Structure formats: C-alpha cells, structure tokens
C-alpha atoms as a PDB file:
ATOM      1  CA  UNK A   1     156.519 199.168 -79.403  1.00  0.00           C
ATOM      2  CA  UNK A   2     152.973 197.106 -80.388  1.00  0.00           C
ATOM      3  CA  UNK A   3     152.991 193.483 -80.711  1.00  0.00           C
ATOM      4  CA  UNK A   4     150.937 192.545 -83.707  1.00  0.00           C
ATOM      5  CA  UNK A   5     148.952 189.772 -82.222  1.00  0.00           C
ATOM      6  CA  UNK A   6     149.649 187.157 -85.773  1.00  0.00           C
ATOM      7  CA  UNK A   7     152.574 187.167 -83.363  1.00  0.00           C
ATOM      8  CA  UNK A   8     151.487 186.851 -80.160  1.00  0.00           C
ATOM      9  CA  UNK A   9     149.009 183.813 -81.732  1.00  0.00           C
ATOM     10  CA  UNK A  10     152.036 182.128 -82.997  1.00  0.00           C
ATOM     11  CA  UNK A  11     154.450 182.495 -80.682  1.00  0.00           C
ATOM     12  CA  UNK A  12     151.663 180.745 -77.931  1.00  0.00           C
ATOM     13  CA  UNK A  13     151.467 177.385 -81.372  1.00  0.00           C
ATOM     14  CA  UNK A  14     155.009 177.353 -81.467  1.00  0.00           C
ATOM     15  CA  UNK A  15     155.052 177.337 -77.065  1.00  0.00           C
ATOM     16  CA  UNK A  16     151.597 173.989 -77.460  1.00  0.00           C
ATOM     17  CA  UNK A  17     153.926 172.694 -80.426  1.00  0.00           C
ATOM     18  CA  UNK A  18     156.698 172.233 -78.625  1.00  0.00           C
ATOM     19  CA  UNK A  19     154.459 170.661 -75.614  1.00  0.00           C
ATOM     20  CA  UNK A  20     153.432 168.385 -77.891  1.00  0.00           C
ATOM     21  CA  UNK A  21     156.605 167.199 -79.417  1.00  0.00           C
ATOM     22  CA  UNK A  22     158.263 166.921 -76.438  1.00  0.00           C
ATOM     23  CA  UNK A  23     155.084 164.881 -75.111  1.00  0.00           C
ATOM     24  CA  UNK A  24     154.698 162.288 -77.562  1.00  0.00           C
ATOM     25  CA  UNK A  25     158.896 162.086 -78.038  1.00  0.00           C
ATOM     26  CA  UNK A  26     158.719 161.037 -74.348  1.00  0.00           C
ATOM     27  CA  UNK A  27     155.909 158.672 -75.112  1.00  0.00           C
ATOM     28  CA  UNK A  28     157.398 157.371 -77.191  1.00  0.00           C
ATOM     29  CA  UNK A  29     160.367 156.825 -75.316  1.00  0.00           C
ATOM     30  CA  UNK A  30     158.702 155.797 -72.102  1.00  0.00           C
ATOM     31  CA  UNK A  31     156.585 153.109 -74.368  1.00  0.00           C
ATOM     32  CA  UNK A  32     160.200 151.804 -76.254  1.00  0.00           C
ATOM     33  CA  UNK A  33     160.963 150.620 -72.016  1.00  0.00           C
ATOM     34  CA  UNK A  34     158.394 149.253 -71.476  1.00  0.00           C
ATOM     35  CA  UNK A  35     158.307 147.204 -74.843  1.00  0.00           C
ATOM     36  CA  UNK A  36     161.615 145.906 -74.158  1.00  0.00           C
ATOM     37  CA  UNK A  37     161.347 145.076 -71.025  1.00  0.00           C
ATOM     38  CA  UNK A  38     158.947 142.771 -72.467  1.00  0.00           C
ATOM     39  CA  UNK A  39     160.370 141.417 -74.779  1.00  0.00           C
ATOM     40  CA  UNK A  40     163.825 140.701 -71.594  1.00  0.00           C
ATOM     41  CA  UNK A  41     160.949 139.570 -69.265  1.00  0.00           C
ATOM     42  CA  UNK A  42     160.111 136.849 -71.865  1.00  0.00           C
ATOM     43  CA  UNK A  43     163.247 136.304 -73.727  1.00  0.00           C
ATOM     44  CA  UNK A  44     164.949 135.232 -69.734  1.00  0.00           C
ATOM     45  CA  UNK A  45     161.437 132.974 -68.904  1.00  0.00           C
ATOM     46  CA  UNK A  46     162.305 130.932 -72.163  1.00  0.00           C
ATOM     47  CA  UNK A  47     165.410 130.646 -71.799  1.00  0.00           C
ATOM     48  CA  UNK A  48     165.491 129.177 -68.431  1.00  0.00           C
ATOM     49  CA  UNK A  49     161.870 126.653 -69.226  1.00  0.00           C
ATOM     50  CA  UNK A  50     163.874 125.168 -72.401  1.00  0.00           C
ATOM     51  CA  UNK A  51     166.041 122.386 -70.825  1.00  0.00           C
ATOM     52  CA  UNK A  52     170.167 122.817 -72.024  1.00  0.00           C
ATOM     53  CA  UNK A  53     171.058 120.316 -74.868  1.00  0.00           C
ATOM     54  CA  UNK A  54     173.948 118.616 -74.873  1.00  0.00           C
END
C-alpha cells in the first residue's frame, strides 16, 4: 500500500498541533499555579501585617 504525500503531511500537522496544544495547556496550568501561589502569599502577608480588631 502506497501512502499519499497528503496523508503524511496531514499526520505531521496533526502531531505538531497536538504538541502545541499540549504545551499551551501546560503553560497555562503553570501560570495559574504560579499566580495562585503569589496571591496566597500576598493574602498571608497582608493578614499578618494588619492588627486584629476586638
């Protein structure tokens, strides 16, 4: 069975798109995790800096 060049190109494009989308999801997950950590740290710092009211 002879593969057509169109199917080879289509397979390569599919793999490249899969890698790009997976990398994008990984980047967004990492950025969200980093931002959440920064916000939590900011809350902790702000909470400990403000005096408690009675």
